[in-house]
Amino acid sequence: MNWTGLALLLAPLAALCGCATAVPAMSGGSTTPKNRTDLGLGGAARVPLGDLRDPAVLDPGESQYRYAADAGGVVPMAYGRYGIARNWDLGLMVSGATVKAEARYEKVLREGTTRSSLVVGLAPFGGWIPERDRSGSGGRVGFEVPFVYGVDFGGVYELWLGARGSGEYVFGDFEVAGSEQRASGAGLRLGPVIGMALGVRRIHALVELTAAYEYWFIDHAGGALDRGGFVLIPGFGLRLRL
């Protein structure tokens, strides 16, 4: 499958604009083999905890940034990866209203029926924050560095464990005191990720969980809304290898 076909597969997902920013890694136990294509379809969720939790009651006079930009929820997700060389792949993921590109390298530690490796990547991403109950809209850009240890057991079972670190910038016009005013936020996120896949050689079911701490430096109409806390990002899907 070429990149045109991959884009045609992922484009419809961009139209399903979930408000939550839930972008899983879906690493798998290795990179995609050379000249092979992985296609995945599923979903992801964002579950904020502590000070990041969605407010139970919204005061019309208060800033709506939190409700619009960092809300929890569930979104559809699809991705594709192509093996461009031995131990290298390129990927593209659409998760809700966020698009992430990714380049990954794999250092093989052990070959054989049970294959283990270290996989590291660099993944810039961007997206939009759609209007939600007249709370305002905007956009986001950022980058992520995933690092995982993966094991492939005979092409039937895969396990991966590692960490994800990312930086993100949010901007837009959001409701505060009865009018939309400019806001911006810079955030850092770091935490462990664990996942598994089970199936046959061509098709696998994947589940994954990221548990991260994130901190945001936020300005809305001159007022500081800085906060931090933990967030869970579960992901699930089916992967087809062509």
C-alpha atoms as a PDB file:
ATOM      1  CA  MET A   1       0.000   0.000   0.000  1.00  0.00           C
ATOM      2  CA  ASN A   2       1.385   3.472  -0.941  1.00  0.00           C
ATOM      3  CA  TRP A   3       1.098   6.707   1.031  1.00  0.00           C
ATOM      4  CA  THR A   4      -1.848   7.893  -1.099  1.00  0.00           C
ATOM      5  CA  GLY A   5      -3.883   4.876  -0.053  1.00  0.00           C
ATOM      6  CA  LEU A   6      -2.882   5.408   3.555  1.00  0.00           C
ATOM      7  CA  ALA A   7      -4.010   9.038   3.449  1.00  0.00           C
ATOM      8  CA  LEU A   8      -7.358   8.039   1.951  1.00  0.00           C
ATOM      9  CA  LEU A   9      -7.858   5.599   4.822  1.00  0.00           C
ATOM     10  CA  LEU A  10      -7.020   8.110   7.563  1.00  0.00           C
ATOM     11  CA  ALA A  11      -8.707  11.225   6.156  1.00  0.00           C
ATOM     12  CA  PRO A  12     -12.277  10.298   7.208  1.00  0.00           C
ATOM     13  CA  LEU A  13     -11.129   9.986  10.829  1.00  0.00           C
ATOM     14  CA  ALA A  14     -10.090  13.627  10.858  1.00  0.00           C
ATOM     15  CA  ALA A  15     -13.725  14.561  10.314  1.00  0.00           C
ATOM     16  CA  LEU A  16     -14.786  12.791  13.532  1.00  0.00           C
ATOM     17  CA  CYS A  17     -13.560  15.587  15.761  1.00  0.00           C
ATOM     18  CA  GLY A  18     -13.740  14.425  19.351  1.00  0.00           C
ATOM     19  CA  CYS A  19     -13.005  17.167  21.865  1.00  0.00           C
ATOM     20  CA  ALA A  20     -10.669  15.069  24.021  1.00  0.00           C
ATOM     21  CA  THR A  21      -6.954  15.075  23.232  1.00  0.00           C
ATOM     22  CA  ALA A  22      -6.314  11.353  23.540  1.00  0.00           C
ATOM     23  CA  VAL A  23      -3.362  10.190  21.444  1.00  0.00           C
ATOM     24  CA  PRO A  24      -2.090   6.665  22.223  1.00  0.00           C
ATOM     25  CA  ALA A  25       1.295   5.263  21.187  1.00  0.00           C
ATOM     26  CA  MET A  26       0.145   1.853  19.889  1.00  0.00           C
ATOM     27  CA  SER A  27       3.814   0.914  19.678  1.00  0.00           C
ATOM     28  CA  GLY A  28       3.587  -2.820  19.178  1.00  0.00           C
ATOM     29  CA  GLY A  29       6.493  -5.092  19.962  1.00  0.00           C
ATOM     30  CA  SER A  30       8.685  -3.869  17.088  1.00  0.00           C
ATOM     31  CA  THR A  31       8.865  -1.537  14.115  1.00  0.00           C
ATOM     32  CA  THR A  32       6.994  -2.450  10.943  1.00  0.00           C
ATOM     33  CA  PRO A  33       9.111  -4.808   8.769  1.00  0.00           C
ATOM     34  CA  LYS A  34      10.738  -3.396   5.621  1.00  0.00           C
ATOM     35  CA  ASN A  35       8.281  -2.917   2.721  1.00  0.00           C
ATOM     36  CA  ARG A  36       5.326  -3.966   4.903  1.00  0.00           C
ATOM     37  CA  THR A  37       2.380  -1.824   6.001  1.00  0.00           C
ATOM     38  CA  ASP A  38       0.527  -1.817   9.321  1.00  0.00           C
ATOM     39  CA  LEU A  39      -3.005  -0.409   9.437  1.00  0.00           C
ATOM     40  CA  GLY A  40      -4.809   0.104  12.740  1.00  0.00           C
ATOM     41  CA  LEU A  41      -8.334   1.149  13.688  1.00  0.00           C
ATOM     42  CA  GLY A  42      -9.765   1.660  17.175  1.00  0.00           C
ATOM     43  CA  GLY A  43     -10.185   4.334  19.811  1.00  0.00           C
ATOM     44  CA  ALA A  44      -8.573   6.122  22.730  1.00  0.00           C
ATOM     45  CA  ALA A  45      -9.633   8.020  25.834  1.00  0.00           C
ATOM     46  CA  ARG A  46      -8.331  10.810  28.034  1.00  0.00           C
ATOM     47  CA  VAL A  47      -9.080  10.475  31.760  1.00  0.00           C
ATOM     48  CA  PRO A  48      -7.839  13.528  33.724  1.00  0.00           C
ATOM     49  CA  LEU A  49      -7.297  13.093  37.469  1.00  0.00           C
ATOM     50  CA  GLY A  50      -6.848  15.453  40.406  1.00  0.00           C
ATOM     51  CA  ASP A  51      -6.490  19.118  39.443  1.00  0.00           C
ATOM     52  CA  LEU A  52      -6.798  18.190  35.759  1.00  0.00           C
ATOM     53  CA  ARG A  53     -10.243  16.675  36.210  1.00  0.00           C
ATOM     54  CA  ASP A  54     -13.110  18.229  34.236  1.00  0.00           C
ATOM     55  CA  PRO A  55     -15.115  20.705  36.367  1.00  0.00           C
ATOM     56  CA  ALA A  56     -18.435  19.303  37.587  1.00  0.00           C
ATOM     57  CA  VAL A  57     -20.174  22.688  37.251  1.00  0.00           C
ATOM     58  CA  LEU A  58     -19.193  25.439  34.831  1.00  0.00           C
ATOM     59  CA  ASP A  59     -19.487  29.041  36.016  1.00  0.00           C
ATOM     60  CA  PRO A  60     -20.422  31.160  32.967  1.00  0.00           C
ATOM     61  CA  GLY A  61     -18.179  33.957  34.246  1.00  0.00           C
ATOM     62  CA  GLU A  62     -15.055  31.829  34.590  1.00  0.00           C
ATOM     63  CA  SER A  63     -12.559  30.812  31.935  1.00  0.00           C
ATOM     64  CA  GLN A  64     -13.791  28.043  29.647  1.00  0.00           C
ATOM     65  CA  TYR A  65     -10.242  27.128  28.550  1.00  0.00           C
ATOM     66  CA  ARG A  66     -10.158  24.009  30.697  1.00  0.00           C
ATOM     67  CA  TYR A  67     -13.509  22.778  29.390  1.00  0.00           C
ATOM     68  CA  ALA A  68     -12.573  23.430  25.756  1.00  0.00           C
ATOM     69  CA  ALA A  69      -8.877  22.547  25.532  1.00  0.00           C
ATOM     70  CA  ASP A  70      -8.167  19.790  28.075  1.00  0.00           C
ATOM     71  CA  ALA A  71     -11.421  17.900  28.539  1.00  0.00           C
ATOM     72  CA  GLY A  72     -11.615  14.152  29.027  1.00  0.00           C
ATOM     73  CA  GLY A  73     -13.496  11.851  26.679  1.00  0.00           C
ATOM     74  CA  VAL A  74     -13.300   9.106  24.066  1.00  0.00           C
ATOM     75  CA  VAL A  75     -12.277   9.571  20.414  1.00  0.00           C
ATOM     76  CA  PRO A  76     -11.916   7.353  17.320  1.00  0.00           C
ATOM     77  CA  MET A  77      -8.366   6.535  16.250  1.00  0.00           C
ATOM     78  CA  ALA A  78      -6.684   5.153  13.124  1.00  0.00           C
ATOM     79  CA  TYR A  79      -3.061   4.841  12.106  1.00  0.00           C
ATOM     80  CA  GLY A  80      -0.749   3.478   9.454  1.00  0.00           C
ATOM     81  CA  ARG A  81       2.945   2.602   9.485  1.00  0.00           C
ATOM     82  CA  TYR A  82       5.292   1.613   6.668  1.00  0.00           C
ATOM     83  CA  GLY A  83       8.696  -0.069   6.981  1.00  0.00           C
ATOM     84  CA  ILE A  84      11.048   2.103   4.943  1.00  0.00           C
ATOM     85  CA  ALA A  85      14.200   0.111   5.788  1.00  0.00           C
ATOM     86  CA  ARG A  86      15.384  -2.610   8.098  1.00  0.00           C
ATOM     87  CA  ASN A  87      14.543  -1.475  11.669  1.00  0.00           C
ATOM     88  CA  TRP A  88      13.045   1.842  10.481  1.00  0.00           C
ATOM     89  CA  ASP A  89       9.430   2.848   9.920  1.00  0.00           C
ATOM     90  CA  LEU A  90       7.314   5.946   9.326  1.00  0.00           C
ATOM     91  CA  GLY A  91       3.786   6.391  10.616  1.00  0.00           C
ATOM     92  CA  LEU A  92       0.751   8.649  10.650  1.00  0.00           C
ATOM     93  CA  MET A  93      -2.031   8.594  13.263  1.00  0.00           C
ATOM     94  CA  VAL A  94      -5.350  10.432  13.441  1.00  0.00           C
ATOM     95  CA  SER A  95      -6.909  10.422  16.909  1.00  0.00           C
ATOM     96  CA  GLY A  96      -9.980  12.614  17.243  1.00  0.00           C
ATOM     97  CA  ALA A  97      -8.943  16.087  16.087  1.00  0.00           C
ATOM     98  CA  THR A  98      -5.186  15.471  16.446  1.00  0.00           C
ATOM     99  CA  VAL A  99      -2.793  14.232  13.740  1.00  0.00           C
ATOM    100  CA  LYS A 100       0.574  12.720  14.692  1.00  0.00           C
ATOM    101  CA  ALA A 101       3.467  11.814  12.380  1.00  0.00           C
ATOM    102  CA  GLU A 102       6.178   9.473  13.613  1.00  0.00           C
ATOM    103  CA  ALA A 103       9.617   8.160  12.688  1.00  0.00           C
ATOM    104  CA  ARG A 104      10.919   5.162  14.667  1.00  0.00           C
ATOM    105  CA  TYR A 105      14.159   3.188  14.925  1.00  0.00           C
ATOM    106  CA  GLU A 106      14.546  -0.273  16.421  1.00  0.00           C
ATOM    107  CA  LYS A 107      17.658  -1.747  18.051  1.00  0.00           C
ATOM    108  CA  VAL A 108      17.253  -5.530  17.955  1.00  0.00           C
ATOM    109  CA  LEU A 109      18.494  -7.204  21.135  1.00  0.00           C
ATOM    110  CA  ARG A 110      17.596 -10.791  20.331  1.00  0.00           C
ATOM    111  CA  GLU A 111      16.528 -12.574  17.142  1.00  0.00           C
ATOM    112  CA  GLY A 112      14.614 -15.838  16.957  1.00  0.00           C
ATOM    113  CA  THR A 113      11.161 -17.132  17.733  1.00  0.00           C
ATOM    114  CA  THR A 114      11.146 -14.792  20.731  1.00  0.00           C
ATOM    115  CA  ARG A 115      12.406 -11.446  19.460  1.00  0.00           C
ATOM    116  CA  SER A 116      13.206  -8.480  21.701  1.00  0.00           C
ATOM    117  CA  SER A 117      14.185  -4.924  20.825  1.00  0.00           C
ATOM    118  CA  LEU A 118      14.377  -1.304  21.930  1.00  0.00           C
ATOM    119  CA  VAL A 119      12.244   1.111  19.899  1.00  0.00           C
ATOM    120  CA  VAL A 120      12.708   4.888  20.008  1.00  0.00           C
ATOM    121  CA  GLY A 121      10.870   7.504  17.995  1.00  0.00           C
ATOM    122  CA  LEU A 122      10.234  11.174  17.349  1.00  0.00           C
ATOM    123  CA  ALA A 123       6.641  12.234  16.744  1.00  0.00           C
ATOM    124  CA  PRO A 124       5.502  15.800  15.970  1.00  0.00           C
ATOM    125  CA  PHE A 125       1.757  16.373  16.209  1.00  0.00           C
ATOM    126  CA  GLY A 126      -0.841  19.060  15.697  1.00  0.00           C
ATOM    127  CA  GLY A 127      -4.574  19.510  15.710  1.00  0.00           C
ATOM    128  CA  TRP A 128      -7.500  21.778  16.286  1.00  0.00           C
ATOM    129  CA  ILE A 129      -9.768  22.363  19.257  1.00  0.00           C
ATOM    130  CA  PRO A 130     -13.324  22.408  17.894  1.00  0.00           C
ATOM    131  CA  GLU A 131     -16.087  24.633  19.244  1.00  0.00           C
ATOM    132  CA  ARG A 132     -17.800  22.976  22.216  1.00  0.00           C
ATOM    133  CA  ASP A 133     -20.975  24.540  23.622  1.00  0.00           C
ATOM    134  CA  ARG A 134     -19.752  28.024  22.627  1.00  0.00           C
ATOM    135  CA  SER A 135     -16.680  27.717  24.827  1.00  0.00           C
ATOM    136  CA  GLY A 136     -14.267  28.771  22.080  1.00  0.00           C
ATOM    137  CA  SER A 137     -11.851  27.075  19.698  1.00  0.00           C
ATOM    138  CA  GLY A 138      -8.164  26.956  18.861  1.00  0.00           C
ATOM    139  CA  GLY A 139      -5.299  24.680  17.950  1.00  0.00           C
ATOM    140  CA  ARG A 140      -2.370  22.720  19.365  1.00  0.00           C
ATOM    141  CA  VAL A 141       1.127  21.704  18.254  1.00  0.00           C
ATOM    142  CA  GLY A 142       3.760  19.607  19.956  1.00  0.00           C
ATOM    143  CA  PHE A 143       6.183  16.715  19.826  1.00  0.00           C
ATOM    144  CA  GLU A 144       6.591  13.373  21.564  1.00  0.00           C
ATOM    145  CA  VAL A 145       9.555  11.064  22.208  1.00  0.00           C
ATOM    146  CA  PRO A 146       8.449   7.455  22.860  1.00  0.00           C
ATOM    147  CA  PHE A 147      10.894   4.806  24.105  1.00  0.00           C
ATOM    148  CA  VAL A 148       9.824   1.198  24.639  1.00  0.00           C
ATOM    149  CA  TYR A 149      11.209  -2.285  25.182  1.00  0.00           C
ATOM    150  CA  GLY A 150       9.249  -4.696  23.011  1.00  0.00           C
ATOM    151  CA  VAL A 151       9.038  -8.485  22.798  1.00  0.00           C
ATOM    152  CA  ASP A 152       7.451 -10.469  19.963  1.00  0.00           C
ATOM    153  CA  PHE A 153       6.595 -14.078  20.819  1.00  0.00           C
ATOM    154  CA  GLY A 154       6.469 -15.913  17.495  1.00  0.00           C
ATOM    155  CA  GLY A 155       4.269 -13.331  15.809  1.00  0.00           C
ATOM    156  CA  VAL A 156       1.324 -14.321  18.012  1.00  0.00           C
ATOM    157  CA  TYR A 157       1.798 -12.297  21.199  1.00  0.00           C
ATOM    158  CA  GLU A 158       3.524  -8.933  21.649  1.00  0.00           C
ATOM    159  CA  LEU A 159       4.357  -6.988  24.794  1.00  0.00           C
ATOM    160  CA  TRP A 160       5.822  -3.502  25.142  1.00  0.00           C
ATOM    161  CA  LEU A 161       6.811  -1.406  28.137  1.00  0.00           C
ATOM    162  CA  GLY A 162       8.458   1.991  28.233  1.00  0.00           C
ATOM    163  CA  ALA A 163       7.937   5.727  28.588  1.00  0.00           C
ATOM    164  CA  ARG A 164       6.515   8.668  26.657  1.00  0.00           C
ATOM    165  CA  GLY A 165       7.632  12.266  27.038  1.00  0.00           C
ATOM    166  CA  SER A 166       6.059  15.211  25.223  1.00  0.00           C
ATOM    167  CA  GLY A 167       5.788  18.984  25.037  1.00  0.00           C
ATOM    168  CA  GLU A 168       2.717  20.818  23.769  1.00  0.00           C
ATOM    169  CA  TYR A 169       1.538  24.357  23.000  1.00  0.00           C
ATOM    170  CA  VAL A 170      -2.161  25.307  22.908  1.00  0.00           C
ATOM    171  CA  PHE A 171      -3.578  28.557  21.530  1.00  0.00           C
ATOM    172  CA  GLY A 172      -6.977  29.986  20.683  1.00  0.00           C
ATOM    173  CA  ASP A 173      -9.865  32.225  21.666  1.00  0.00           C
ATOM    174  CA  PHE A 174     -11.920  30.884  24.569  1.00  0.00           C
ATOM    175  CA  GLU A 175     -14.879  32.178  26.540  1.00  0.00           C
ATOM    176  CA  VAL A 176     -14.276  34.173  29.735  1.00  0.00           C
ATOM    177  CA  ALA A 177     -16.547  36.749  31.404  1.00  0.00           C
ATOM    178  CA  GLY A 178     -19.061  36.593  28.557  1.00  0.00           C
ATOM    179  CA  SER A 179     -16.690  37.043  25.606  1.00  0.00           C
ATOM    180  CA  GLU A 180     -14.012  35.126  23.715  1.00  0.00           C
ATOM    181  CA  GLN A 181     -10.484  36.211  24.585  1.00  0.00           C
ATOM    182  CA  ARG A 182      -7.032  35.007  23.610  1.00  0.00           C
ATOM    183  CA  ALA A 183      -5.462  32.180  25.612  1.00  0.00           C
ATOM    184  CA  SER A 184      -2.281  30.126  25.402  1.00  0.00           C
ATOM    185  CA  GLY A 185      -0.876  27.180  27.289  1.00  0.00           C
ATOM    186  CA  ALA A 186       2.435  25.309  27.328  1.00  0.00           C
ATOM    187  CA  GLY A 187       2.491  21.824  28.801  1.00  0.00           C
ATOM    188  CA  LEU A 188       4.935  19.024  29.592  1.00  0.00           C
ATOM    189  CA  ARG A 189       3.926  15.369  29.939  1.00  0.00           C
ATOM    190  CA  LEU A 190       5.913  12.295  31.062  1.00  0.00           C
ATOM    191  CA  GLY A 191       4.935   8.803  32.130  1.00  0.00           C
ATOM    192  CA  PRO A 192       5.081   5.054  31.567  1.00  0.00           C
ATOM    193  CA  VAL A 193       3.265   3.117  28.857  1.00  0.00           C
ATOM    194  CA  ILE A 194       2.449  -0.594  28.727  1.00  0.00           C
ATOM    195  CA  GLY A 195       0.657  -2.564  26.029  1.00  0.00           C
ATOM    196  CA  MET A 196       0.036  -5.966  24.544  1.00  0.00           C
ATOM    197  CA  ALA A 197      -1.168  -7.478  21.279  1.00  0.00           C
ATOM    198  CA  LEU A 198      -2.611 -10.907  20.557  1.00  0.00           C
ATOM    199  CA  GLY A 199      -3.524 -12.534  17.256  1.00  0.00           C
ATOM    200  CA  VAL A 200      -2.159 -14.253  14.189  1.00  0.00           C
ATOM    201  CA  ARG A 201       0.602 -13.003  11.923  1.00  0.00           C
ATOM    202  CA  ARG A 202      -1.570 -10.631   9.870  1.00  0.00           C
ATOM    203  CA  ILE A 203      -4.132  -9.365  12.371  1.00  0.00           C
ATOM    204  CA  HIS A 204      -3.793  -8.519  16.064  1.00  0.00           C
ATOM    205  CA  ALA A 205      -5.927  -6.943  18.776  1.00  0.00           C
ATOM    206  CA  LEU A 206      -4.038  -4.280  20.744  1.00  0.00           C
ATOM    207  CA  VAL A 207      -4.628  -2.714  24.163  1.00  0.00           C
ATOM    208  CA  GLU A 208      -2.436  -0.085  25.779  1.00  0.00           C
ATOM    209  CA  LEU A 209      -2.335   2.246  28.785  1.00  0.00           C
ATOM    210  CA  THR A 210      -0.325   5.417  29.342  1.00  0.00           C
ATOM    211  CA  ALA A 211      -0.257   6.928  32.848  1.00  0.00           C
ATOM    212  CA  ALA A 212       1.427  10.334  32.778  1.00  0.00           C
ATOM    213  CA  TYR A 213       1.959  13.422  34.883  1.00  0.00           C
ATOM    214  CA  GLU A 214       1.455  16.681  33.033  1.00  0.00           C
ATOM    215  CA  TYR A 215       1.878  20.309  34.039  1.00  0.00           C
ATOM    216  CA  TRP A 216       0.435  23.318  32.215  1.00  0.00           C
ATOM    217  CA  PHE A 217       1.493  26.967  32.194  1.00  0.00           C
ATOM    218  CA  ILE A 218      -1.665  28.750  31.031  1.00  0.00           C
ATOM    219  CA  ASP A 219      -2.530  32.401  30.413  1.00  0.00           C
ATOM    220  CA  HIS A 220      -6.090  33.463  29.591  1.00  0.00           C
ATOM    221  CA  ALA A 221      -6.802  37.172  29.158  1.00  0.00           C
ATOM    222  CA  GLY A 222      -3.920  38.012  31.489  1.00  0.00           C
ATOM    223  CA  GLY A 223      -4.923  35.562  34.199  1.00  0.00           C
ATOM    224  CA  ALA A 224      -2.739  32.586  35.176  1.00  0.00           C
ATOM    225  CA  LEU A 225      -4.442  29.168  35.215  1.00  0.00           C
ATOM    226  CA  ASP A 226      -1.356  26.991  35.854  1.00  0.00           C
ATOM    227  CA  ARG A 227      -2.066  23.464  37.063  1.00  0.00           C
ATOM    228  CA  GLY A 228      -0.750  19.908  37.025  1.00  0.00           C
ATOM    229  CA  GLY A 229      -1.880  16.372  37.671  1.00  0.00           C
ATOM    230  CA  PHE A 230      -2.071  12.833  36.389  1.00  0.00           C
ATOM    231  CA  VAL A 231      -3.870  11.652  33.277  1.00  0.00           C
ATOM    232  CA  LEU A 232      -4.663   8.170  31.954  1.00  0.00           C
ATOM    233  CA  ILE A 233      -4.694   7.510  28.194  1.00  0.00           C
ATOM    234  CA  PRO A 234      -5.998   4.017  27.363  1.00  0.00           C
ATOM    235  CA  GLY A 235      -6.028   2.897  23.733  1.00  0.00           C
ATOM    236  CA  PHE A 236      -7.414  -0.114  21.884  1.00  0.00           C
ATOM    237  CA  GLY A 237      -7.685  -1.323  18.312  1.00  0.00           C
ATOM    238  CA  LEU A 238      -7.159  -3.910  15.604  1.00  0.00           C
ATOM    239  CA  ARG A 239      -3.987  -3.980  13.489  1.00  0.00           C
ATOM    240  CA  LEU A 240      -3.714  -5.485  10.018  1.00  0.00           C
ATOM    241  CA  ARG A 241      -0.260  -6.162   8.534  1.00  0.00           C
ATOM    242  CA  LEU A 242      -0.048  -6.148   4.741  1.00  0.00           C
END
